[in-house]
Amino acid sequence: MSAPKVWLDYDQKALDDQYNQRILVPDANDYLARNLELSTKVRGEIECRLDVPYGPSADEILDIFPATGTKAKGTPVVVFVHGGAWTRWTKDHNSYQAPAFVSAGAAFVSVNFALLPEVDLDELVRQNRAAVQWVYEHATEFGANPDKVYVAGQSSGAHVAGLLAVTDWTEWGLPADTVKGVVAASGMYELTPVRLSSRNEYLHLDEAAVKRNSAIGQIPNIVPPMLIAYGGAEHVEFRRQSQSFAKTLRDLGHSCQEIDLPDLNHFQVAEEFADPTSPLMQATYKLIGLETGNV
């Protein structure tokens, strides 16, 4: 007798596998080691302000990479939320993307935040909202324009980016349109299947937490333009998550561009943020008003 279905056409093992990136990318740690090595190199080579506090806890710090060039005044700023299944890695793994942004005329901010199980998912998301608030309030201090704040994230960072897109910023004392655009790559926007998977062994989500932390179920009237990207070599369920969120946004009249990246696995999609010639970055430049990636 076949195993019972727990989500769509997936039985428990199949669903667990869909939310385990190493099933398709067994050498994932090689990508992560390269990212850390490149990030360390970048921090030693370009202008940056490191470990800037944005909140009261030791984990609430960020790195700022101002835009380069003589025109780097009042520039856009991109707040980047790292991935890692909400449990791993830090901002120190995510400096390698900075040159592709700063050389094109946008400041880049890599956010650090507390991870599970030290905090729950609600607190992790709250810290990232606080980071956006801090960037808005301090942007002019590093040559950026608070009216040009953008958000990007990959994997679990894209999950958070999705929630930042649907946040009511007036509850944070900010304009409703504080975030002018969001780039979300390889993310999860409906956490019901995540709760049903083995990931819930550390997430500990109940139905209320799923509702609070699923962007697709709380889309407001004001949503910034979004780019939603996913790789051709990613899990079917991750692709479905992105496609479903993008379709829902468009059905509600919001601006959302899908970017399907053929042949790329989950970790290769992340590295597209470091390549100025990639389709993902070319679309990102257009979103933030840098039509060719140059100023």
C-alpha atoms as a PDB file:
ATOM      1  CA  MET A   1       0.000   0.000   0.000  1.00  0.00           C
ATOM      2  CA  SER A   2       1.330   3.457  -0.906  1.00  0.00           C
ATOM      3  CA  ALA A   3       2.138   5.964   1.810  1.00  0.00           C
ATOM      4  CA  PRO A   4      -0.551   8.572   2.568  1.00  0.00           C
ATOM      5  CA  LYS A   5      -0.279  12.001   0.955  1.00  0.00           C
ATOM      6  CA  VAL A   6       0.507  14.876   3.319  1.00  0.00           C
ATOM      7  CA  TRP A   7       0.729  17.781   0.859  1.00  0.00           C
ATOM      8  CA  LEU A   8      -0.471  17.862  -2.748  1.00  0.00           C
ATOM      9  CA  ASP A   9       0.772  14.576  -4.246  1.00  0.00           C
ATOM     10  CA  TYR A  10       3.660  14.150  -1.766  1.00  0.00           C
ATOM     11  CA  ASP A  11       3.873  11.535   0.933  1.00  0.00           C
ATOM     12  CA  GLN A  12       5.943  12.383   4.017  1.00  0.00           C
ATOM     13  CA  LYS A  13       9.334  11.324   2.668  1.00  0.00           C
ATOM     14  CA  ALA A  14       8.760  12.996  -0.680  1.00  0.00           C
ATOM     15  CA  LEU A  15       7.734  16.248   1.006  1.00  0.00           C
ATOM     16  CA  ASP A  16      10.733  16.128   3.345  1.00  0.00           C
ATOM     17  CA  ASP A  17      13.003  15.657   0.335  1.00  0.00           C
ATOM     18  CA  GLN A  18      11.414  18.632  -1.446  1.00  0.00           C
ATOM     19  CA  TYR A  19      12.512  20.856   1.421  1.00  0.00           C
ATOM     20  CA  ASN A  20      16.037  19.425   1.648  1.00  0.00           C
ATOM     21  CA  GLN A  21      18.339  21.221  -0.801  1.00  0.00           C
ATOM     22  CA  ARG A  22      21.131  18.693  -0.376  1.00  0.00           C
ATOM     23  CA  ILE A  23      19.061  16.023  -2.078  1.00  0.00           C
ATOM     24  CA  LEU A  24      19.778  17.792  -5.365  1.00  0.00           C
ATOM     25  CA  VAL A  25      23.038  19.543  -4.392  1.00  0.00           C
ATOM     26  CA  PRO A  26      25.167  17.185  -2.276  1.00  0.00           C
ATOM     27  CA  ASP A  27      28.187  19.505  -2.625  1.00  0.00           C
ATOM     28  CA  ALA A  28      26.310  22.479  -1.139  1.00  0.00           C
ATOM     29  CA  ASN A  29      29.038  23.089   1.433  1.00  0.00           C
ATOM     30  CA  ASP A  30      31.501  23.799  -1.378  1.00  0.00           C
ATOM     31  CA  TYR A  31      29.347  26.710  -2.531  1.00  0.00           C
ATOM     32  CA  LEU A  32      29.104  28.052   0.997  1.00  0.00           C
ATOM     33  CA  ALA A  33      32.842  27.826   1.606  1.00  0.00           C
ATOM     34  CA  ARG A  34      33.452  29.734  -1.628  1.00  0.00           C
ATOM     35  CA  ASN A  35      30.908  32.382  -0.638  1.00  0.00           C
ATOM     36  CA  LEU A  36      32.629  32.918   2.713  1.00  0.00           C
ATOM     37  CA  GLU A  37      36.074  33.117   1.127  1.00  0.00           C
ATOM     38  CA  LEU A  38      34.929  35.628  -1.491  1.00  0.00           C
ATOM     39  CA  SER A  39      33.056  37.673   1.099  1.00  0.00           C
ATOM     40  CA  THR A  40      36.134  37.939   3.309  1.00  0.00           C
ATOM     41  CA  LYS A  41      38.140  39.094   0.297  1.00  0.00           C
ATOM     42  CA  VAL A  42      35.538  41.708  -0.658  1.00  0.00           C
ATOM     43  CA  ARG A  43      35.479  43.216   2.829  1.00  0.00           C
ATOM     44  CA  GLY A  44      39.215  43.777   2.574  1.00  0.00           C
ATOM     45  CA  GLU A  45      39.065  45.378  -0.853  1.00  0.00           C
ATOM     46  CA  ILE A  46      36.153  47.827  -1.002  1.00  0.00           C
ATOM     47  CA  GLU A  47      34.847  50.556   1.256  1.00  0.00           C
ATOM     48  CA  CYS A  48      32.611  49.252   4.012  1.00  0.00           C
ATOM     49  CA  ARG A  49      31.348  49.894   7.517  1.00  0.00           C
ATOM     50  CA  LEU A  50      31.195  46.626   9.434  1.00  0.00           C
ATOM     51  CA  ASP A  51      29.190  45.418  12.425  1.00  0.00           C
ATOM     52  CA  VAL A  52      26.956  48.480  12.678  1.00  0.00           C
ATOM     53  CA  PRO A  53      24.258  47.934  15.343  1.00  0.00           C
ATOM     54  CA  TYR A  54      20.626  48.320  14.297  1.00  0.00           C
ATOM     55  CA  GLY A  55      19.058  46.760  17.413  1.00  0.00           C
ATOM     56  CA  PRO A  56      19.819  45.942  21.042  1.00  0.00           C
ATOM     57  CA  SER A  57      21.054  42.348  20.751  1.00  0.00           C
ATOM     58  CA  ALA A  58      24.515  41.216  19.682  1.00  0.00           C
ATOM     59  CA  ASP A  59      23.080  39.585  16.551  1.00  0.00           C
ATOM     60  CA  GLU A  60      21.391  42.773  15.331  1.00  0.00           C
ATOM     61  CA  ILE A  61      24.253  44.212  13.297  1.00  0.00           C
ATOM     62  CA  LEU A  62      24.793  44.929   9.627  1.00  0.00           C
ATOM     63  CA  ASP A  63      27.525  45.723   7.116  1.00  0.00           C
ATOM     64  CA  ILE A  64      27.250  48.775   4.849  1.00  0.00           C
ATOM     65  CA  PHE A  65      28.895  49.006   1.438  1.00  0.00           C
ATOM     66  CA  PRO A  66      28.345  52.533   0.035  1.00  0.00           C
ATOM     67  CA  ALA A  67      27.977  52.993  -3.700  1.00  0.00           C
ATOM     68  CA  THR A  68      31.196  53.911  -5.482  1.00  0.00           C
ATOM     69  CA  GLY A  69      31.942  56.727  -7.914  1.00  0.00           C
ATOM     70  CA  THR A  70      31.555  60.488  -8.047  1.00  0.00           C
ATOM     71  CA  LYS A  71      27.775  60.232  -8.435  1.00  0.00           C
ATOM     72  CA  ALA A  72      27.335  58.181  -5.265  1.00  0.00           C
ATOM     73  CA  LYS A  73      25.079  60.687  -3.484  1.00  0.00           C
ATOM     74  CA  GLY A  74      21.483  59.915  -2.672  1.00  0.00           C
ATOM     75  CA  THR A  75      21.864  56.486  -4.210  1.00  0.00           C
ATOM     76  CA  PRO A  76      19.475  53.548  -3.988  1.00  0.00           C
ATOM     77  CA  VAL A  77      20.224  51.111  -1.178  1.00  0.00           C
ATOM     78  CA  VAL A  78      19.604  47.364  -1.267  1.00  0.00           C
ATOM     79  CA  VAL A  79      19.020  45.568   2.035  1.00  0.00           C
ATOM     80  CA  PHE A  80      20.082  41.940   1.590  1.00  0.00           C
ATOM     81  CA  VAL A  81      18.675  39.093   3.736  1.00  0.00           C
ATOM     82  CA  HIS A  82      20.819  35.949   3.709  1.00  0.00           C
ATOM     83  CA  GLY A  83      19.543  32.386   3.472  1.00  0.00           C
ATOM     84  CA  GLY A  84      20.432  29.277   5.438  1.00  0.00           C
ATOM     85  CA  ALA A  85      17.131  27.593   6.386  1.00  0.00           C
ATOM     86  CA  TRP A  86      16.704  30.235   9.145  1.00  0.00           C
ATOM     87  CA  THR A  87      19.325  28.311  11.167  1.00  0.00           C
ATOM     88  CA  ARG A  88      22.712  28.882   9.527  1.00  0.00           C
ATOM     89  CA  TRP A  89      25.206  31.476   8.271  1.00  0.00           C
ATOM     90  CA  THR A  90      25.584  35.166   8.912  1.00  0.00           C
ATOM     91  CA  LYS A  91      26.107  38.415   7.081  1.00  0.00           C
ATOM     92  CA  ASP A  92      29.795  37.460   6.846  1.00  0.00           C
ATOM     93  CA  HIS A  93      28.880  34.915   4.155  1.00  0.00           C
ATOM     94  CA  ASN A  94      27.118  37.611   2.144  1.00  0.00           C
ATOM     95  CA  SER A  95      29.555  40.347   1.218  1.00  0.00           C
ATOM     96  CA  TYR A  96      30.538  38.738  -2.078  1.00  0.00           C
ATOM     97  CA  GLN A  97      27.453  40.189  -3.781  1.00  0.00           C
ATOM     98  CA  ALA A  98      28.335  43.785  -2.811  1.00  0.00           C
ATOM     99  CA  PRO A  99      30.609  44.703  -5.773  1.00  0.00           C
ATOM    100  CA  ALA A 100      27.853  43.995  -8.313  1.00  0.00           C
ATOM    101  CA  PHE A 101      25.653  46.545  -6.539  1.00  0.00           C
ATOM    102  CA  VAL A 102      28.070  49.263  -5.441  1.00  0.00           C
ATOM    103  CA  SER A 103      29.856  49.470  -8.788  1.00  0.00           C
ATOM    104  CA  ALA A 104      26.463  50.017 -10.447  1.00  0.00           C
ATOM    105  CA  GLY A 105      25.577  52.877  -8.117  1.00  0.00           C
ATOM    106  CA  ALA A 106      23.563  51.252  -5.308  1.00  0.00           C
ATOM    107  CA  ALA A 107      24.609  50.900  -1.688  1.00  0.00           C
ATOM    108  CA  PHE A 108      24.500  47.340  -0.360  1.00  0.00           C
ATOM    109  CA  VAL A 109      23.596  46.410   3.214  1.00  0.00           C
ATOM    110  CA  SER A 110      24.122  42.847   4.441  1.00  0.00           C
ATOM    111  CA  VAL A 111      21.923  42.128   7.463  1.00  0.00           C
ATOM    112  CA  ASN A 112      22.789  39.879  10.378  1.00  0.00           C
ATOM    113  CA  PHE A 113      20.062  38.524  12.655  1.00  0.00           C
ATOM    114  CA  ALA A 114      19.480  35.902  15.320  1.00  0.00           C
ATOM    115  CA  LEU A 115      18.847  32.380  14.070  1.00  0.00           C
ATOM    116  CA  LEU A 116      16.639  29.487  15.083  1.00  0.00           C
ATOM    117  CA  PRO A 117      16.537  27.884  17.618  1.00  0.00           C
ATOM    118  CA  GLU A 118      17.979  30.834  19.559  1.00  0.00           C
ATOM    119  CA  VAL A 119      14.865  32.790  18.578  1.00  0.00           C
ATOM    120  CA  ASP A 120      11.605  31.837  16.894  1.00  0.00           C
ATOM    121  CA  LEU A 121      10.642  32.757  13.352  1.00  0.00           C
ATOM    122  CA  ASP A 122       8.548  35.723  14.447  1.00  0.00           C
ATOM    123  CA  GLU A 123      11.556  37.315  16.139  1.00  0.00           C
ATOM    124  CA  LEU A 124      13.835  36.584  13.179  1.00  0.00           C
ATOM    125  CA  VAL A 125      11.398  38.413  10.894  1.00  0.00           C
ATOM    126  CA  ARG A 126      10.978  41.263  13.391  1.00  0.00           C
ATOM    127  CA  GLN A 127      14.726  41.839  13.433  1.00  0.00           C
ATOM    128  CA  ASN A 128      14.818  42.122   9.651  1.00  0.00           C
ATOM    129  CA  ARG A 129      11.963  44.633   9.724  1.00  0.00           C
ATOM    130  CA  ALA A 130      13.944  46.589  12.310  1.00  0.00           C
ATOM    131  CA  ALA A 131      16.951  46.526   9.980  1.00  0.00           C
ATOM    132  CA  VAL A 132      14.888  48.051   7.161  1.00  0.00           C
ATOM    133  CA  GLN A 133      13.632  50.709   9.577  1.00  0.00           C
ATOM    134  CA  TRP A 134      17.220  51.492  10.605  1.00  0.00           C
ATOM    135  CA  VAL A 135      18.386  51.754   6.987  1.00  0.00           C
ATOM    136  CA  TYR A 136      15.533  54.131   6.155  1.00  0.00           C
ATOM    137  CA  GLU A 137      16.362  56.335   9.140  1.00  0.00           C
ATOM    138  CA  HIS A 138      20.151  56.337   8.580  1.00  0.00           C
ATOM    139  CA  ALA A 139      20.506  56.091   4.790  1.00  0.00           C
ATOM    140  CA  THR A 140      21.809  59.624   4.335  1.00  0.00           C
ATOM    141  CA  GLU A 141      24.723  58.833   6.669  1.00  0.00           C
ATOM    142  CA  PHE A 142      26.242  56.588   3.994  1.00  0.00           C
ATOM    143  CA  GLY A 143      25.225  58.533   0.903  1.00  0.00           C
ATOM    144  CA  ALA A 144      21.968  56.718   0.194  1.00  0.00           C
ATOM    145  CA  ASN A 145      18.460  58.035  -0.312  1.00  0.00           C
ATOM    146  CA  PRO A 146      15.832  56.873   2.214  1.00  0.00           C
ATOM    147  CA  ASP A 147      13.253  57.159  -0.546  1.00  0.00           C
ATOM    148  CA  LYS A 148      15.110  54.518  -2.560  1.00  0.00           C
ATOM    149  CA  VAL A 149      15.164  51.517  -0.221  1.00  0.00           C
ATOM    150  CA  TYR A 150      15.022  48.088  -1.866  1.00  0.00           C
ATOM    151  CA  VAL A 151      15.120  44.570  -0.394  1.00  0.00           C
ATOM    152  CA  ALA A 152      16.662  41.362  -1.754  1.00  0.00           C
ATOM    153  CA  GLY A 153      16.939  37.865  -0.349  1.00  0.00           C
ATOM    154  CA  GLN A 154      17.583  34.262  -1.326  1.00  0.00           C
ATOM    155  CA  SER A 155      16.168  30.976   0.033  1.00  0.00           C
ATOM    156  CA  SER A 156      14.966  31.566   3.615  1.00  0.00           C
ATOM    157  CA  GLY A 157      16.130  35.149   3.054  1.00  0.00           C
ATOM    158  CA  ALA A 158      13.646  35.348   0.178  1.00  0.00           C
ATOM    159  CA  HIS A 159      10.943  34.113   2.556  1.00  0.00           C
ATOM    160  CA  VAL A 160      11.778  37.070   4.791  1.00  0.00           C
ATOM    161  CA  ALA A 161      11.970  39.404   1.778  1.00  0.00           C
ATOM    162  CA  GLY A 162       8.448  38.335   0.838  1.00  0.00           C
ATOM    163  CA  LEU A 163       7.235  39.317   4.298  1.00  0.00           C
ATOM    164  CA  LEU A 164       9.070  42.645   4.068  1.00  0.00           C
ATOM    165  CA  ALA A 165       7.184  43.255   0.821  1.00  0.00           C
ATOM    166  CA  VAL A 166       3.812  42.861   2.550  1.00  0.00           C
ATOM    167  CA  THR A 167       4.713  44.655   5.804  1.00  0.00           C
ATOM    168  CA  ASP A 168       2.574  47.588   6.918  1.00  0.00           C
ATOM    169  CA  TRP A 169       5.402  50.049   7.438  1.00  0.00           C
ATOM    170  CA  THR A 170       3.093  52.632   8.991  1.00  0.00           C
ATOM    171  CA  GLU A 171       3.082  50.373  12.064  1.00  0.00           C
ATOM    172  CA  TRP A 172       6.827  51.063  12.214  1.00  0.00           C
ATOM    173  CA  GLY A 173       6.388  54.827  11.934  1.00  0.00           C
ATOM    174  CA  LEU A 174       7.488  54.808   8.296  1.00  0.00           C
ATOM    175  CA  PRO A 175       5.781  55.641   4.987  1.00  0.00           C
ATOM    176  CA  ALA A 176       3.578  52.868   3.617  1.00  0.00           C
ATOM    177  CA  ASP A 177       5.797  52.703   0.524  1.00  0.00           C
ATOM    178  CA  THR A 178       9.105  52.599   2.410  1.00  0.00           C
ATOM    179  CA  VAL A 179      10.306  49.610   0.352  1.00  0.00           C
ATOM    180  CA  LYS A 180      10.347  50.543  -3.326  1.00  0.00           C
ATOM    181  CA  GLY A 181      11.019  47.074  -4.728  1.00  0.00           C
ATOM    182  CA  VAL A 182      11.844  43.511  -3.683  1.00  0.00           C
ATOM    183  CA  VAL A 183      13.946  40.767  -5.286  1.00  0.00           C
ATOM    184  CA  ALA A 184      13.150  37.307  -3.895  1.00  0.00           C
ATOM    185  CA  ALA A 185      15.062  34.303  -5.204  1.00  0.00           C
ATOM    186  CA  SER A 186      14.294  30.658  -4.418  1.00  0.00           C
ATOM    187  CA  GLY A 187      12.021  31.454  -1.532  1.00  0.00           C
ATOM    188  CA  MET A 188       9.028  30.076   0.349  1.00  0.00           C
ATOM    189  CA  TYR A 189       5.925  32.199   0.632  1.00  0.00           C
ATOM    190  CA  GLU A 190       3.383  29.678   2.015  1.00  0.00           C
ATOM    191  CA  LEU A 191       4.600  27.842   5.107  1.00  0.00           C
ATOM    192  CA  THR A 192       1.873  25.208   5.381  1.00  0.00           C
ATOM    193  CA  PRO A 193       3.937  22.587   3.494  1.00  0.00           C
ATOM    194  CA  VAL A 194       7.009  23.635   5.473  1.00  0.00           C
ATOM    195  CA  ARG A 195       5.105  22.996   8.715  1.00  0.00           C
ATOM    196  CA  LEU A 196       4.136  19.558   7.403  1.00  0.00           C
ATOM    197  CA  SER A 197       7.739  18.731   6.464  1.00  0.00           C
ATOM    198  CA  SER A 198      10.676  17.649   8.603  1.00  0.00           C
ATOM    199  CA  ARG A 199      11.748  21.283   8.838  1.00  0.00           C
ATOM    200  CA  ASN A 200       9.116  21.811  11.475  1.00  0.00           C
ATOM    201  CA  GLU A 201      11.253  19.768  13.875  1.00  0.00           C
ATOM    202  CA  TYR A 202      13.191  23.006  14.425  1.00  0.00           C
ATOM    203  CA  LEU A 203      10.682  25.626  13.231  1.00  0.00           C
ATOM    204  CA  HIS A 204       7.924  24.516  15.658  1.00  0.00           C
ATOM    205  CA  LEU A 205       5.252  26.245  13.601  1.00  0.00           C
ATOM    206  CA  ASP A 206       1.596  26.002  14.499  1.00  0.00           C
ATOM    207  CA  GLU A 207      -1.216  27.177  12.220  1.00  0.00           C
ATOM    208  CA  ALA A 208      -1.174  30.686  13.668  1.00  0.00           C
ATOM    209  CA  ALA A 209       2.569  31.032  13.108  1.00  0.00           C
ATOM    210  CA  VAL A 210       2.136  29.779   9.546  1.00  0.00           C
ATOM    211  CA  LYS A 211      -0.455  32.475   8.917  1.00  0.00           C
ATOM    212  CA  ARG A 212       1.729  35.228  10.398  1.00  0.00           C
ATOM    213  CA  ASN A 213       4.750  34.160   8.383  1.00  0.00           C
ATOM    214  CA  SER A 214       3.250  33.327   4.977  1.00  0.00           C
ATOM    215  CA  ALA A 215       3.475  36.320   2.649  1.00  0.00           C
ATOM    216  CA  ILE A 216       0.999  34.881   0.140  1.00  0.00           C
ATOM    217  CA  GLY A 217      -1.859  35.017   2.652  1.00  0.00           C
ATOM    218  CA  GLN A 218      -1.485  38.648   3.703  1.00  0.00           C
ATOM    219  CA  ILE A 219      -1.000  40.668   0.522  1.00  0.00           C
ATOM    220  CA  PRO A 220      -2.116  44.276   1.161  1.00  0.00           C
ATOM    221  CA  ASN A 221      -3.310  46.942  -1.247  1.00  0.00           C
ATOM    222  CA  ILE A 222       0.186  48.431  -1.448  1.00  0.00           C
ATOM    223  CA  VAL A 223       2.944  46.037  -2.544  1.00  0.00           C
ATOM    224  CA  PRO A 224       6.220  47.205  -4.083  1.00  0.00           C
ATOM    225  CA  PRO A 225       7.189  45.871  -7.517  1.00  0.00           C
ATOM    226  CA  MET A 226       8.689  42.416  -7.152  1.00  0.00           C
ATOM    227  CA  LEU A 227      11.107  40.162  -8.980  1.00  0.00           C
ATOM    228  CA  ILE A 228      10.620  36.498  -8.097  1.00  0.00           C
ATOM    229  CA  ALA A 229      13.380  34.197  -9.341  1.00  0.00           C
ATOM    230  CA  TYR A 230      13.936  30.451  -9.244  1.00  0.00           C
ATOM    231  CA  GLY A 231      16.286  27.951 -10.836  1.00  0.00           C
ATOM    232  CA  GLY A 232      15.551  25.288 -13.398  1.00  0.00           C
ATOM    233  CA  ALA A 233      17.441  22.713 -11.326  1.00  0.00           C
ATOM    234  CA  GLU A 234      15.648  23.464  -8.056  1.00  0.00           C
ATOM    235  CA  HIS A 235      13.070  21.301  -6.348  1.00  0.00           C
ATOM    236  CA  VAL A 236       9.631  21.283  -7.957  1.00  0.00           C
ATOM    237  CA  GLU A 237       8.071  22.499  -4.725  1.00  0.00           C
ATOM    238  CA  PHE A 238      10.387  25.525  -4.514  1.00  0.00           C
ATOM    239  CA  ARG A 239       9.536  26.439  -8.096  1.00  0.00           C
ATOM    240  CA  ARG A 240       5.835  26.005  -7.347  1.00  0.00           C
ATOM    241  CA  GLN A 241       6.111  28.273  -4.313  1.00  0.00           C
ATOM    242  CA  SER A 242       7.618  31.062  -6.425  1.00  0.00           C
ATOM    243  CA  GLN A 243       5.222  30.613  -9.329  1.00  0.00           C
ATOM    244  CA  SER A 244       2.180  30.553  -7.057  1.00  0.00           C
ATOM    245  CA  PHE A 245       3.210  33.710  -5.191  1.00  0.00           C
ATOM    246  CA  ALA A 246       3.980  35.537  -8.435  1.00  0.00           C
ATOM    247  CA  LYS A 247       0.627  34.570  -9.954  1.00  0.00           C
ATOM    248  CA  THR A 248      -1.269  35.605  -6.834  1.00  0.00           C
ATOM    249  CA  LEU A 249       0.427  39.003  -6.844  1.00  0.00           C
ATOM    250  CA  ARG A 250      -0.384  39.559 -10.504  1.00  0.00           C
ATOM    251  CA  ASP A 251      -3.981  38.376 -10.072  1.00  0.00           C
ATOM    252  CA  LEU A 252      -4.368  41.059  -7.398  1.00  0.00           C
ATOM    253  CA  GLY A 253      -3.024  43.703  -9.761  1.00  0.00           C
ATOM    254  CA  HIS A 254       0.502  44.032  -8.393  1.00  0.00           C
ATOM    255  CA  SER A 255       3.666  44.330 -10.453  1.00  0.00           C
ATOM    256  CA  CYS A 256       5.607  41.053 -10.382  1.00  0.00           C
ATOM    257  CA  GLN A 257       8.157  39.695 -12.841  1.00  0.00           C
ATOM    258  CA  GLU A 258       9.129  36.022 -12.776  1.00  0.00           C
ATOM    259  CA  ILE A 259      12.686  35.054 -13.688  1.00  0.00           C
ATOM    260  CA  ASP A 260      13.234  31.383 -14.491  1.00  0.00           C
ATOM    261  CA  LEU A 261      16.953  30.633 -14.474  1.00  0.00           C
ATOM    262  CA  PRO A 262      17.479  27.494 -16.600  1.00  0.00           C
ATOM    263  CA  ASP A 263      19.730  24.725 -15.267  1.00  0.00           C
ATOM    264  CA  LEU A 264      20.673  26.583 -12.064  1.00  0.00           C
ATOM    265  CA  ASN A 265      20.467  24.839  -8.701  1.00  0.00           C
ATOM    266  CA  HIS A 266      19.490  26.489  -5.423  1.00  0.00           C
ATOM    267  CA  PHE A 267      22.995  27.653  -4.558  1.00  0.00           C
ATOM    268  CA  GLN A 268      23.864  28.770  -8.066  1.00  0.00           C
ATOM    269  CA  VAL A 269      20.823  31.032  -8.001  1.00  0.00           C
ATOM    270  CA  ALA A 270      22.286  32.762  -4.935  1.00  0.00           C
ATOM    271  CA  GLU A 271      25.537  33.430  -6.787  1.00  0.00           C
ATOM    272  CA  GLU A 272      23.650  35.194  -9.590  1.00  0.00           C
ATOM    273  CA  PHE A 273      23.475  38.211  -7.260  1.00  0.00           C
ATOM    274  CA  ALA A 274      27.242  38.608  -7.701  1.00  0.00           C
ATOM    275  CA  ASP A 275      27.236  38.575 -11.507  1.00  0.00           C
ATOM    276  CA  PRO A 276      26.358  41.951 -13.086  1.00  0.00           C
ATOM    277  CA  THR A 277      25.659  40.257 -16.424  1.00  0.00           C
ATOM    278  CA  SER A 278      23.214  37.663 -15.045  1.00  0.00           C
ATOM    279  CA  PRO A 279      19.525  37.911 -16.005  1.00  0.00           C
ATOM    280  CA  LEU A 280      18.704  38.289 -12.308  1.00  0.00           C
ATOM    281  CA  MET A 281      21.004  41.277 -11.834  1.00  0.00           C
ATOM    282  CA  GLN A 282      20.055  42.890 -15.118  1.00  0.00           C
ATOM    283  CA  ALA A 283      16.412  42.780 -14.001  1.00  0.00           C
ATOM    284  CA  THR A 284      17.416  44.044 -10.550  1.00  0.00           C
ATOM    285  CA  TYR A 285      19.247  47.028 -12.055  1.00  0.00           C
ATOM    286  CA  LYS A 286      16.102  47.962 -13.956  1.00  0.00           C
ATOM    287  CA  LEU A 287      13.974  47.586 -10.836  1.00  0.00           C
ATOM    288  CA  ILE A 288      16.132  50.002  -8.856  1.00  0.00           C
ATOM    289  CA  GLY A 289      16.505  52.475 -11.707  1.00  0.00           C
ATOM    290  CA  LEU A 290      19.937  51.554 -13.026  1.00  0.00           C
ATOM    291  CA  GLU A 291      18.907  50.583 -16.532  1.00  0.00           C
ATOM    292  CA  THR A 292      22.253  49.165 -17.677  1.00  0.00           C
ATOM    293  CA  GLY A 293      23.894  48.605 -14.329  1.00  0.00           C
ATOM    294  CA  ASN A 294      25.822  51.860 -14.716  1.00  0.00           C
ATOM    295  CA  VAL A 295      25.452  55.368 -13.302  1.00  0.00           C
END
